[in-house]
Amino acid sequence: MRGLTSSRAKKILAVLAVVFLVVALLIPTVVFARAGGGHVGGSSSSGGSKSSGSSSGGSSRGSSGGSSIPFVGGSSSGGSSGGCCGTIIIIAVIFAVVVYVIIKGKSGGGGSGGATLADISAAIPEVEQGDLFAEIKAADPNFNEQMFFGRVNEMFVAIQYAWMARNLEPVRRFLADQQFTVLNNSVQTDYVQKGQINKLDNVHITQMSPVEVVKMGEYDSVKMLIEAACIDYTVDERTGEIVNPGELGDGKTATTFQEYWTFMRKAGVQSKMDASIQKCPNCGGPVTDGNYVKCSYCGVQLNDPTLDWVLMRIEQV
């Protein structure tokens, strides 16, 4: 007999029904798991860049599921609803393929052995996880994740030490003007005016990963999730004594925190293999002390995203 037998068709439909039931039960689980964001550990309200308020910016799009762009903000349901719709589309494709195979088998179009579940599985295209940086790499062959992650770590360390020194000028060269203002105002208000110093002993990144890579007009935007650890506490600048250890840290206990960092660079800019925050993004000349806004050699604006990656926004998770 050609095509699927009645019993075989019923078996296939039964399996399909089970698949639908399982997916239907999983959909709400996926949505709610993405909706809450995630804290790692209990960091205090102060501490390096994580103490700053978020600067305003454009709306976030992509796979993150949250409106906070790796540094301080709330979450939205956009990513969750998008994942749900994608799941429904995949289910619809599976259903259409199964129905097609069954109809084809019944009409005599199949082989002598009839259609099987293996035939149906082979007919369904695989959905591959794309490279988030694929579009950037296509326009910039020199770009690679390791080099970019190294730059992020370089910026992270520099910002933490500038924060402890209560002087953000040295990191101005790779910070967007608005983010620099946010951090600098926080340092002046929370520490300089109070005669206090926020210490971040042994501060380091434990893990980083890209959350969202999108094109925003003529610019590429990369949002990174930064997970870090440190011993976070505050001292009086005159006496050196720890201030309010119960709430601001006792100087012994390590804490962990997560932040979103968003970077922007004009699309198509070519990465330089020897690029560093210590060099001018245009001429490659060294950044000299006191010249953190413009290059002392070629005169370009150092934090210009048309030349290299600029840190636009920091937000706590």
C-alpha atoms as a PDB file:
ATOM      1  CA  MET A   1       0.000   0.000   0.000  1.00  0.00           C
ATOM      2  CA  ARG A   2       1.425   3.420  -0.980  1.00  0.00           C
ATOM      3  CA  GLY A   3       1.650   6.406   1.433  1.00  0.00           C
ATOM      4  CA  LEU A   4       0.902   6.372   5.124  1.00  0.00           C
ATOM      5  CA  THR A   5      -1.409   3.776   6.577  1.00  0.00           C
ATOM      6  CA  SER A   6      -4.284   4.976   8.697  1.00  0.00           C
ATOM      7  CA  SER A   7      -2.694   3.652  11.889  1.00  0.00           C
ATOM      8  CA  ARG A   8       0.665   5.241  11.078  1.00  0.00           C
ATOM      9  CA  ALA A   9      -0.982   8.586  10.396  1.00  0.00           C
ATOM     10  CA  LYS A  10      -2.748   8.368  13.732  1.00  0.00           C
ATOM     11  CA  LYS A  11       0.541   7.645  15.490  1.00  0.00           C
ATOM     12  CA  ILE A  12       2.167  10.670  13.872  1.00  0.00           C
ATOM     13  CA  LEU A  13      -0.740  12.896  14.823  1.00  0.00           C
ATOM     14  CA  ALA A  14      -0.582  11.564  18.390  1.00  0.00           C
ATOM     15  CA  VAL A  15       3.120  12.427  18.618  1.00  0.00           C
ATOM     16  CA  LEU A  16       2.373  15.862  17.182  1.00  0.00           C
ATOM     17  CA  ALA A  17      -0.305  16.414  19.812  1.00  0.00           C
ATOM     18  CA  VAL A  18       2.189  15.562  22.568  1.00  0.00           C
ATOM     19  CA  VAL A  19       4.691  18.046  21.088  1.00  0.00           C
ATOM     20  CA  PHE A  20       2.027  20.773  21.077  1.00  0.00           C
ATOM     21  CA  LEU A  21       1.107  20.002  24.694  1.00  0.00           C
ATOM     22  CA  VAL A  22       4.715  20.102  25.917  1.00  0.00           C
ATOM     23  CA  VAL A  23       5.465  23.385  24.112  1.00  0.00           C
ATOM     24  CA  ALA A  24       2.230  24.917  25.388  1.00  0.00           C
ATOM     25  CA  LEU A  25       3.288  24.106  28.947  1.00  0.00           C
ATOM     26  CA  LEU A  26       6.811  25.476  28.436  1.00  0.00           C
ATOM     27  CA  ILE A  27       5.885  28.826  26.859  1.00  0.00           C
ATOM     28  CA  PRO A  28       4.765  30.558  30.076  1.00  0.00           C
ATOM     29  CA  THR A  29       7.804  29.174  31.896  1.00  0.00           C
ATOM     30  CA  VAL A  30      10.169  30.767  29.386  1.00  0.00           C
ATOM     31  CA  VAL A  31       8.339  34.085  29.516  1.00  0.00           C
ATOM     32  CA  PHE A  32       8.371  34.406  33.288  1.00  0.00           C
ATOM     33  CA  ALA A  33      11.984  33.230  33.568  1.00  0.00           C
ATOM     34  CA  ARG A  34      13.063  36.113  31.315  1.00  0.00           C
ATOM     35  CA  ALA A  35      10.865  38.765  32.896  1.00  0.00           C
ATOM     36  CA  GLY A  36      12.582  39.272  36.225  1.00  0.00           C
ATOM     37  CA  GLY A  37      16.138  40.125  35.230  1.00  0.00           C
ATOM     38  CA  GLY A  38      18.767  38.806  37.606  1.00  0.00           C
ATOM     39  CA  HIS A  39      20.775  39.942  40.592  1.00  0.00           C
ATOM     40  CA  VAL A  40      23.912  38.114  41.605  1.00  0.00           C
ATOM     41  CA  GLY A  41      24.737  38.749  45.220  1.00  0.00           C
ATOM     42  CA  GLY A  42      23.789  41.820  47.185  1.00  0.00           C
ATOM     43  CA  SER A  43      25.923  44.781  46.299  1.00  0.00           C
ATOM     44  CA  SER A  44      25.545  47.977  48.257  1.00  0.00           C
ATOM     45  CA  SER A  45      24.050  51.127  46.798  1.00  0.00           C
ATOM     46  CA  SER A  46      27.513  52.517  46.209  1.00  0.00           C
ATOM     47  CA  GLY A  47      30.599  51.105  44.582  1.00  0.00           C
ATOM     48  CA  GLY A  48      32.336  52.151  41.412  1.00  0.00           C
ATOM     49  CA  SER A  49      30.290  52.748  38.361  1.00  0.00           C
ATOM     50  CA  LYS A  50      27.532  50.619  39.819  1.00  0.00           C
ATOM     51  CA  SER A  51      26.554  53.439  42.149  1.00  0.00           C
ATOM     52  CA  SER A  52      25.678  55.760  39.299  1.00  0.00           C
ATOM     53  CA  GLY A  53      22.217  56.465  38.000  1.00  0.00           C
ATOM     54  CA  SER A  54      21.489  55.536  34.423  1.00  0.00           C
ATOM     55  CA  SER A  55      21.725  58.112  31.719  1.00  0.00           C
ATOM     56  CA  SER A  56      18.855  58.458  29.304  1.00  0.00           C
ATOM     57  CA  GLY A  57      19.123  57.035  25.839  1.00  0.00           C
ATOM     58  CA  GLY A  58      17.291  55.491  22.921  1.00  0.00           C
ATOM     59  CA  SER A  59      15.064  52.471  23.254  1.00  0.00           C
ATOM     60  CA  SER A  60      16.688  49.051  23.436  1.00  0.00           C
ATOM     61  CA  ARG A  61      15.958  46.300  20.953  1.00  0.00           C
ATOM     62  CA  GLY A  62      17.118  42.743  20.597  1.00  0.00           C
ATOM     63  CA  SER A  63      17.470  39.570  22.596  1.00  0.00           C
ATOM     64  CA  SER A  64      18.043  40.955  26.065  1.00  0.00           C
ATOM     65  CA  GLY A  65      14.402  41.176  27.123  1.00  0.00           C
ATOM     66  CA  GLY A  66      15.130  44.214  29.287  1.00  0.00           C
ATOM     67  CA  SER A  67      15.110  47.895  28.735  1.00  0.00           C
ATOM     68  CA  SER A  68      18.142  48.418  30.964  1.00  0.00           C
ATOM     69  CA  ILE A  69      21.179  48.418  28.785  1.00  0.00           C
ATOM     70  CA  PRO A  70      23.839  46.546  30.737  1.00  0.00           C
ATOM     71  CA  PHE A  71      24.070  49.131  33.602  1.00  0.00           C
ATOM     72  CA  VAL A  72      20.995  50.389  35.706  1.00  0.00           C
ATOM     73  CA  GLY A  73      17.400  50.071  34.659  1.00  0.00           C
ATOM     74  CA  GLY A  74      14.168  48.150  34.757  1.00  0.00           C
ATOM     75  CA  SER A  75      13.055  45.294  32.595  1.00  0.00           C
ATOM     76  CA  SER A  76      10.426  45.102  29.901  1.00  0.00           C
ATOM     77  CA  SER A  77       8.428  42.298  28.413  1.00  0.00           C
ATOM     78  CA  GLY A  78       9.485  42.932  24.821  1.00  0.00           C
ATOM     79  CA  GLY A  79      12.063  40.122  24.693  1.00  0.00           C
ATOM     80  CA  SER A  80       9.694  37.623  26.299  1.00  0.00           C
ATOM     81  CA  SER A  81       6.815  38.298  23.956  1.00  0.00           C
ATOM     82  CA  GLY A  82       9.180  38.076  21.009  1.00  0.00           C
ATOM     83  CA  GLY A  83      10.384  34.646  22.151  1.00  0.00           C
ATOM     84  CA  CYS A  84       6.786  33.473  22.551  1.00  0.00           C
ATOM     85  CA  CYS A  85       5.855  34.585  19.032  1.00  0.00           C
ATOM     86  CA  GLY A  86       8.932  32.865  17.644  1.00  0.00           C
ATOM     87  CA  THR A  87       7.939  29.616  19.354  1.00  0.00           C
ATOM     88  CA  ILE A  88       4.415  29.798  17.920  1.00  0.00           C
ATOM     89  CA  ILE A  89       5.810  30.338  14.415  1.00  0.00           C
ATOM     90  CA  ILE A  90       8.087  27.301  14.751  1.00  0.00           C
ATOM     91  CA  ILE A  91       5.108  25.195  15.921  1.00  0.00           C
ATOM     92  CA  ALA A  92       3.086  26.355  12.924  1.00  0.00           C
ATOM     93  CA  VAL A  93       5.906  25.356  10.552  1.00  0.00           C
ATOM     94  CA  ILE A  94       6.149  21.891  12.136  1.00  0.00           C
ATOM     95  CA  PHE A  95       2.378  21.410  11.852  1.00  0.00           C
ATOM     96  CA  ALA A  96       2.350  22.476   8.195  1.00  0.00           C
ATOM     97  CA  VAL A  97       5.168  20.067   7.311  1.00  0.00           C
ATOM     98  CA  VAL A  98       3.464  17.158   9.062  1.00  0.00           C
ATOM     99  CA  VAL A  99       0.132  17.815   7.342  1.00  0.00           C
ATOM    100  CA  TYR A 100       1.883  18.098   3.980  1.00  0.00           C
ATOM    101  CA  VAL A 101       3.702  14.793   4.420  1.00  0.00           C
ATOM    102  CA  ILE A 102       0.504  13.029   5.484  1.00  0.00           C
ATOM    103  CA  ILE A 103      -1.482  14.403   2.538  1.00  0.00           C
ATOM    104  CA  LYS A 104       1.299  13.555   0.112  1.00  0.00           C
ATOM    105  CA  GLY A 105       1.510  10.033   1.463  1.00  0.00           C
ATOM    106  CA  LYS A 106      -2.234   9.488   1.136  1.00  0.00           C
ATOM    107  CA  SER A 107      -2.263  10.805  -2.429  1.00  0.00           C
ATOM    108  CA  GLY A 108       0.306   8.244  -3.551  1.00  0.00           C
ATOM    109  CA  GLY A 109       3.250  10.604  -3.853  1.00  0.00           C
ATOM    110  CA  GLY A 110       5.400   8.767  -1.287  1.00  0.00           C
ATOM    111  CA  GLY A 111       7.758   5.828  -1.743  1.00  0.00           C
ATOM    112  CA  SER A 112       6.809   2.205  -1.318  1.00  0.00           C
ATOM    113  CA  GLY A 113       7.715   2.316   2.382  1.00  0.00           C
ATOM    114  CA  GLY A 114       5.528   5.371   3.099  1.00  0.00           C
ATOM    115  CA  ALA A 115       6.493   8.515   5.027  1.00  0.00           C
ATOM    116  CA  THR A 116       8.001   8.092   8.492  1.00  0.00           C
ATOM    117  CA  LEU A 117       8.752  10.359  11.453  1.00  0.00           C
ATOM    118  CA  ALA A 118      12.345  10.459  10.221  1.00  0.00           C
ATOM    119  CA  ASP A 119      11.125  11.854   6.895  1.00  0.00           C
ATOM    120  CA  ILE A 120       9.170  14.553   8.726  1.00  0.00           C
ATOM    121  CA  SER A 121      12.161  15.435  10.920  1.00  0.00           C
ATOM    122  CA  ALA A 122      14.423  15.720   7.875  1.00  0.00           C
ATOM    123  CA  ALA A 123      11.936  18.053   6.192  1.00  0.00           C
ATOM    124  CA  ILE A 124      12.011  20.561   9.064  1.00  0.00           C
ATOM    125  CA  PRO A 125      14.816  23.149   8.648  1.00  0.00           C
ATOM    126  CA  GLU A 126      17.237  23.587  11.546  1.00  0.00           C
ATOM    127  CA  VAL A 127      17.117  26.885  13.397  1.00  0.00           C
ATOM    128  CA  GLU A 128      20.704  27.977  14.104  1.00  0.00           C
ATOM    129  CA  GLN A 129      21.828  30.414  16.774  1.00  0.00           C
ATOM    130  CA  GLY A 130      23.339  33.275  14.812  1.00  0.00           C
ATOM    131  CA  ASP A 131      26.572  35.093  15.615  1.00  0.00           C
ATOM    132  CA  LEU A 132      25.558  38.357  17.282  1.00  0.00           C
ATOM    133  CA  PHE A 133      28.654  40.048  15.832  1.00  0.00           C
ATOM    134  CA  ALA A 134      28.214  38.658  12.286  1.00  0.00           C
ATOM    135  CA  GLU A 135      27.173  41.970  10.725  1.00  0.00           C
ATOM    136  CA  ILE A 136      30.015  43.860  12.417  1.00  0.00           C
ATOM    137  CA  LYS A 137      32.548  41.256  11.272  1.00  0.00           C
ATOM    138  CA  ALA A 138      31.262  41.464   7.703  1.00  0.00           C
ATOM    139  CA  ALA A 139      31.977  45.194   7.593  1.00  0.00           C
ATOM    140  CA  ASP A 140      35.099  45.010   9.792  1.00  0.00           C
ATOM    141  CA  PRO A 141      37.172  41.848   9.119  1.00  0.00           C
ATOM    142  CA  ASN A 142      39.645  42.798  11.859  1.00  0.00           C
ATOM    143  CA  PHE A 143      36.963  42.663  14.551  1.00  0.00           C
ATOM    144  CA  ASN A 144      36.973  39.692  16.909  1.00  0.00           C
ATOM    145  CA  GLU A 145      35.310  39.000  20.238  1.00  0.00           C
ATOM    146  CA  GLN A 146      38.513  38.437  22.199  1.00  0.00           C
ATOM    147  CA  MET A 147      39.914  41.818  21.238  1.00  0.00           C
ATOM    148  CA  PHE A 148      36.615  43.542  22.017  1.00  0.00           C
ATOM    149  CA  PHE A 149      36.258  41.794  25.391  1.00  0.00           C
ATOM    150  CA  GLY A 150      39.824  42.815  26.208  1.00  0.00           C
ATOM    151  CA  ARG A 151      38.911  46.442  25.511  1.00  0.00           C
ATOM    152  CA  VAL A 152      35.855  46.151  27.764  1.00  0.00           C
ATOM    153  CA  ASN A 153      37.995  44.775  30.599  1.00  0.00           C
ATOM    154  CA  GLU A 154      40.534  47.564  30.078  1.00  0.00           C
ATOM    155  CA  MET A 155      37.791  50.178  30.378  1.00  0.00           C
ATOM    156  CA  PHE A 156      36.238  48.474  33.399  1.00  0.00           C
ATOM    157  CA  VAL A 157      39.456  48.475  35.410  1.00  0.00           C
ATOM    158  CA  ALA A 158      40.247  52.092  34.489  1.00  0.00           C
ATOM    159  CA  ILE A 159      36.789  53.288  35.547  1.00  0.00           C
ATOM    160  CA  GLN A 160      36.923  51.526  38.919  1.00  0.00           C
ATOM    161  CA  TYR A 161      40.294  53.075  39.803  1.00  0.00           C
ATOM    162  CA  ALA A 162      39.150  56.501  38.615  1.00  0.00           C
ATOM    163  CA  TRP A 163      36.064  56.101  40.809  1.00  0.00           C
ATOM    164  CA  MET A 164      38.164  55.271  43.877  1.00  0.00           C
ATOM    165  CA  ALA A 165      40.441  58.235  43.130  1.00  0.00           C
ATOM    166  CA  ARG A 166      37.305  60.436  42.844  1.00  0.00           C
ATOM    167  CA  ASN A 167      38.644  61.753  39.564  1.00  0.00           C
ATOM    168  CA  LEU A 168      36.847  60.659  36.395  1.00  0.00           C
ATOM    169  CA  GLU A 169      38.884  62.844  34.026  1.00  0.00           C
ATOM    170  CA  PRO A 170      41.351  60.077  33.000  1.00  0.00           C
ATOM    171  CA  VAL A 171      38.499  57.884  31.694  1.00  0.00           C
ATOM    172  CA  ARG A 172      36.744  60.700  29.888  1.00  0.00           C
ATOM    173  CA  ARG A 173      38.579  59.719  26.696  1.00  0.00           C
ATOM    174  CA  PHE A 174      36.325  56.674  26.133  1.00  0.00           C
ATOM    175  CA  LEU A 175      33.134  57.744  27.943  1.00  0.00           C
ATOM    176  CA  ALA A 176      30.219  59.442  26.221  1.00  0.00           C
ATOM    177  CA  ASP A 177      29.800  62.983  27.565  1.00  0.00           C
ATOM    178  CA  GLN A 178      26.463  62.179  29.183  1.00  0.00           C
ATOM    179  CA  GLN A 179      27.760  59.076  30.965  1.00  0.00           C
ATOM    180  CA  PHE A 180      30.828  60.961  32.133  1.00  0.00           C
ATOM    181  CA  THR A 181      28.566  63.632  33.636  1.00  0.00           C
ATOM    182  CA  VAL A 182      26.462  61.014  35.430  1.00  0.00           C
ATOM    183  CA  LEU A 183      29.483  59.314  36.992  1.00  0.00           C
ATOM    184  CA  ASN A 184      31.285  62.541  37.845  1.00  0.00           C
ATOM    185  CA  ASN A 185      28.221  64.081  39.519  1.00  0.00           C
ATOM    186  CA  SER A 186      27.742  60.931  41.577  1.00  0.00           C
ATOM    187  CA  VAL A 187      31.357  60.983  42.775  1.00  0.00           C
ATOM    188  CA  GLN A 188      31.197  64.656  43.685  1.00  0.00           C
ATOM    189  CA  THR A 189      27.851  64.398  45.499  1.00  0.00           C
ATOM    190  CA  ASP A 190      28.230  61.031  47.238  1.00  0.00           C
ATOM    191  CA  TYR A 191      31.898  61.165  48.207  1.00  0.00           C
ATOM    192  CA  VAL A 192      33.854  64.397  47.624  1.00  0.00           C
ATOM    193  CA  GLN A 193      31.300  66.634  49.338  1.00  0.00           C
ATOM    194  CA  LYS A 194      30.975  64.181  52.235  1.00  0.00           C
ATOM    195  CA  GLY A 195      34.710  63.724  52.657  1.00  0.00           C
ATOM    196  CA  GLN A 196      34.460  60.003  51.958  1.00  0.00           C
ATOM    197  CA  ILE A 197      36.175  57.519  49.645  1.00  0.00           C
ATOM    198  CA  ASN A 198      34.541  54.458  48.147  1.00  0.00           C
ATOM    199  CA  LYS A 199      37.016  51.542  48.183  1.00  0.00           C
ATOM    200  CA  LEU A 200      36.713  48.629  45.764  1.00  0.00           C
ATOM    201  CA  ASP A 201      39.398  46.166  46.796  1.00  0.00           C
ATOM    202  CA  ASN A 202      40.251  43.327  44.415  1.00  0.00           C
ATOM    203  CA  VAL A 203      37.672  44.504  41.883  1.00  0.00           C
ATOM    204  CA  HIS A 204      37.594  42.305  38.799  1.00  0.00           C
ATOM    205  CA  ILE A 205      35.283  40.938  36.132  1.00  0.00           C
ATOM    206  CA  THR A 206      34.239  37.335  36.680  1.00  0.00           C
ATOM    207  CA  GLN A 207      32.276  36.975  33.451  1.00  0.00           C
ATOM    208  CA  MET A 208      31.086  39.034  30.499  1.00  0.00           C
ATOM    209  CA  SER A 209      28.806  38.223  27.593  1.00  0.00           C
ATOM    210  CA  PRO A 210      27.087  40.092  24.755  1.00  0.00           C
ATOM    211  CA  VAL A 211      23.373  40.546  25.324  1.00  0.00           C
ATOM    212  CA  GLU A 212      22.366  42.638  22.345  1.00  0.00           C
ATOM    213  CA  VAL A 213      24.027  43.771  19.120  1.00  0.00           C
ATOM    214  CA  VAL A 214      21.914  46.083  16.978  1.00  0.00           C
ATOM    215  CA  LYS A 215      22.268  48.750  14.318  1.00  0.00           C
ATOM    216  CA  MET A 216      21.096  52.193  15.461  1.00  0.00           C
ATOM    217  CA  GLY A 217      21.102  54.455  12.457  1.00  0.00           C
ATOM    218  CA  GLU A 218      24.690  54.670  11.222  1.00  0.00           C
ATOM    219  CA  TYR A 219      26.091  53.131  14.396  1.00  0.00           C
ATOM    220  CA  ASP A 220      26.595  49.638  15.803  1.00  0.00           C
ATOM    221  CA  SER A 221      25.429  49.233  19.394  1.00  0.00           C
ATOM    222  CA  VAL A 222      26.722  46.422  21.618  1.00  0.00           C
ATOM    223  CA  LYS A 223      25.229  45.752  25.034  1.00  0.00           C
ATOM    224  CA  MET A 224      27.353  43.635  27.377  1.00  0.00           C
ATOM    225  CA  LEU A 225      26.410  41.957  30.627  1.00  0.00           C
ATOM    226  CA  ILE A 226      29.264  42.459  33.099  1.00  0.00           C
ATOM    227  CA  GLU A 227      29.470  40.263  36.192  1.00  0.00           C
ATOM    228  CA  ALA A 228      32.076  41.408  38.702  1.00  0.00           C
ATOM    229  CA  ALA A 229      33.217  41.016  42.303  1.00  0.00           C
ATOM    230  CA  CYS A 230      34.976  43.230  44.841  1.00  0.00           C
ATOM    231  CA  ILE A 231      35.248  44.138  48.514  1.00  0.00           C
ATOM    232  CA  ASP A 232      33.126  47.269  48.551  1.00  0.00           C
ATOM    233  CA  TYR A 233      33.298  49.698  51.491  1.00  0.00           C
ATOM    234  CA  THR A 234      33.546  53.420  52.272  1.00  0.00           C
ATOM    235  CA  VAL A 235      36.078  55.214  54.480  1.00  0.00           C
ATOM    236  CA  ASP A 236      36.377  58.692  55.982  1.00  0.00           C
ATOM    237  CA  GLU A 237      39.138  60.541  54.103  1.00  0.00           C
ATOM    238  CA  ARG A 238      40.424  62.200  57.295  1.00  0.00           C
ATOM    239  CA  THR A 239      40.418  59.324  59.753  1.00  0.00           C
ATOM    240  CA  GLY A 240      40.520  56.338  57.415  1.00  0.00           C
ATOM    241  CA  GLU A 241      37.785  54.663  59.443  1.00  0.00           C
ATOM    242  CA  ILE A 242      35.126  52.588  57.722  1.00  0.00           C
ATOM    243  CA  VAL A 243      31.824  54.450  57.404  1.00  0.00           C
ATOM    244  CA  ASN A 244      28.615  52.595  58.322  1.00  0.00           C
ATOM    245  CA  PRO A 245      30.050  49.077  57.818  1.00  0.00           C
ATOM    246  CA  GLY A 246      26.654  47.472  58.351  1.00  0.00           C
ATOM    247  CA  GLU A 247      25.245  49.030  55.182  1.00  0.00           C
ATOM    248  CA  LEU A 248      28.202  50.235  53.114  1.00  0.00           C
ATOM    249  CA  GLY A 249      30.520  47.246  53.573  1.00  0.00           C
ATOM    250  CA  ASP A 250      32.849  46.085  56.357  1.00  0.00           C
ATOM    251  CA  GLY A 251      36.063  45.992  54.307  1.00  0.00           C
ATOM    252  CA  LYS A 252      36.268  42.202  54.525  1.00  0.00           C
ATOM    253  CA  THR A 253      33.243  40.712  52.806  1.00  0.00           C
ATOM    254  CA  ALA A 254      33.314  40.315  49.030  1.00  0.00           C
ATOM    255  CA  THR A 255      30.182  41.219  47.077  1.00  0.00           C
ATOM    256  CA  THR A 256      29.167  40.549  43.497  1.00  0.00           C
ATOM    257  CA  PHE A 257      27.239  42.739  41.107  1.00  0.00           C
ATOM    258  CA  GLN A 258      25.983  42.828  37.531  1.00  0.00           C
ATOM    259  CA  GLU A 259      25.934  45.768  35.164  1.00  0.00           C
ATOM    260  CA  TYR A 260      24.951  46.387  31.581  1.00  0.00           C
ATOM    261  CA  TRP A 261      27.479  48.322  29.522  1.00  0.00           C
ATOM    262  CA  THR A 262      26.451  49.710  26.136  1.00  0.00           C
ATOM    263  CA  PHE A 263      29.052  50.633  23.516  1.00  0.00           C
ATOM    264  CA  MET A 264      28.612  52.398  20.193  1.00  0.00           C
ATOM    265  CA  ARG A 265      30.810  52.832  17.141  1.00  0.00           C
ATOM    266  CA  LYS A 266      30.060  53.983  13.628  1.00  0.00           C
ATOM    267  CA  ALA A 267      29.307  51.020  11.395  1.00  0.00           C
ATOM    268  CA  GLY A 268      32.116  50.056   9.053  1.00  0.00           C
ATOM    269  CA  VAL A 269      34.961  51.505  11.119  1.00  0.00           C
ATOM    270  CA  GLN A 270      37.968  49.191  10.902  1.00  0.00           C
ATOM    271  CA  SER A 271      39.395  47.823  14.144  1.00  0.00           C
ATOM    272  CA  LYS A 272      43.069  48.438  14.832  1.00  0.00           C
ATOM    273  CA  MET A 273      44.890  45.403  16.181  1.00  0.00           C
ATOM    274  CA  ASP A 274      46.999  47.530  18.542  1.00  0.00           C
ATOM    275  CA  ALA A 275      44.104  49.728  19.730  1.00  0.00           C
ATOM    276  CA  SER A 276      44.077  50.679  23.405  1.00  0.00           C
ATOM    277  CA  ILE A 277      42.461  53.219  25.683  1.00  0.00           C
ATOM    278  CA  GLN A 278      45.987  54.546  26.139  1.00  0.00           C
ATOM    279  CA  LYS A 279      46.201  55.558  22.471  1.00  0.00           C
ATOM    280  CA  CYS A 280      44.447  58.071  20.265  1.00  0.00           C
ATOM    281  CA  PRO A 281      41.860  56.215  18.131  1.00  0.00           C
ATOM    282  CA  ASN A 282      42.841  58.344  15.141  1.00  0.00           C
ATOM    283  CA  CYS A 283      46.626  58.738  14.988  1.00  0.00           C
ATOM    284  CA  GLY A 284      47.650  56.163  17.575  1.00  0.00           C
ATOM    285  CA  GLY A 285      49.580  58.692  19.622  1.00  0.00           C
ATOM    286  CA  PRO A 286      49.761  58.139  23.394  1.00  0.00           C
ATOM    287  CA  VAL A 287      47.146  59.775  25.569  1.00  0.00           C
ATOM    288  CA  THR A 288      49.095  62.177  27.761  1.00  0.00           C
ATOM    289  CA  ASP A 289      48.201  63.226  31.301  1.00  0.00           C
ATOM    290  CA  GLY A 290      45.813  66.128  31.322  1.00  0.00           C
ATOM    291  CA  ASN A 291      44.784  65.677  27.681  1.00  0.00           C
ATOM    292  CA  TYR A 292      41.751  63.453  28.034  1.00  0.00           C
ATOM    293  CA  VAL A 293      39.351  65.324  25.770  1.00  0.00           C
ATOM    294  CA  LYS A 294      41.376  65.937  22.608  1.00  0.00           C
ATOM    295  CA  CYS A 295      44.487  64.250  21.258  1.00  0.00           C
ATOM    296  CA  SER A 296      47.554  66.386  21.867  1.00  0.00           C
ATOM    297  CA  TYR A 297      49.028  65.188  18.531  1.00  0.00           C
ATOM    298  CA  CYS A 298      46.245  65.285  15.923  1.00  0.00           C
ATOM    299  CA  GLY A 299      43.618  67.258  17.839  1.00  0.00           C
ATOM    300  CA  VAL A 300      40.642  64.885  17.357  1.00  0.00           C
ATOM    301  CA  GLN A 301      37.990  64.343  20.017  1.00  0.00           C
ATOM    302  CA  LEU A 302      39.096  61.187  21.829  1.00  0.00           C
ATOM    303  CA  ASN A 303      35.591  59.954  22.709  1.00  0.00           C
ATOM    304  CA  ASP A 304      34.342  60.165  19.140  1.00  0.00           C
ATOM    305  CA  PRO A 305      32.264  57.065  18.204  1.00  0.00           C
ATOM    306  CA  THR A 306      32.997  57.659  14.525  1.00  0.00           C
ATOM    307  CA  LEU A 307      36.584  56.600  15.324  1.00  0.00           C
ATOM    308  CA  ASP A 308      36.292  53.827  17.903  1.00  0.00           C
ATOM    309  CA  TRP A 309      34.086  52.218  20.555  1.00  0.00           C
ATOM    310  CA  VAL A 310      32.701  54.633  23.143  1.00  0.00           C
ATOM    311  CA  LEU A 311      30.992  53.595  26.372  1.00  0.00           C
ATOM    312  CA  MET A 312      27.575  55.210  26.120  1.00  0.00           C
ATOM    313  CA  ARG A 313      25.721  53.927  29.131  1.00  0.00           C
ATOM    314  CA  ILE A 314      26.203  52.004  32.404  1.00  0.00           C
ATOM    315  CA  GLU A 315      23.235  50.448  34.149  1.00  0.00           C
ATOM    316  CA  GLN A 316      22.961  48.146  37.151  1.00  0.00           C
ATOM    317  CA  VAL A 317      20.956  44.973  36.859  1.00  0.00           C
END
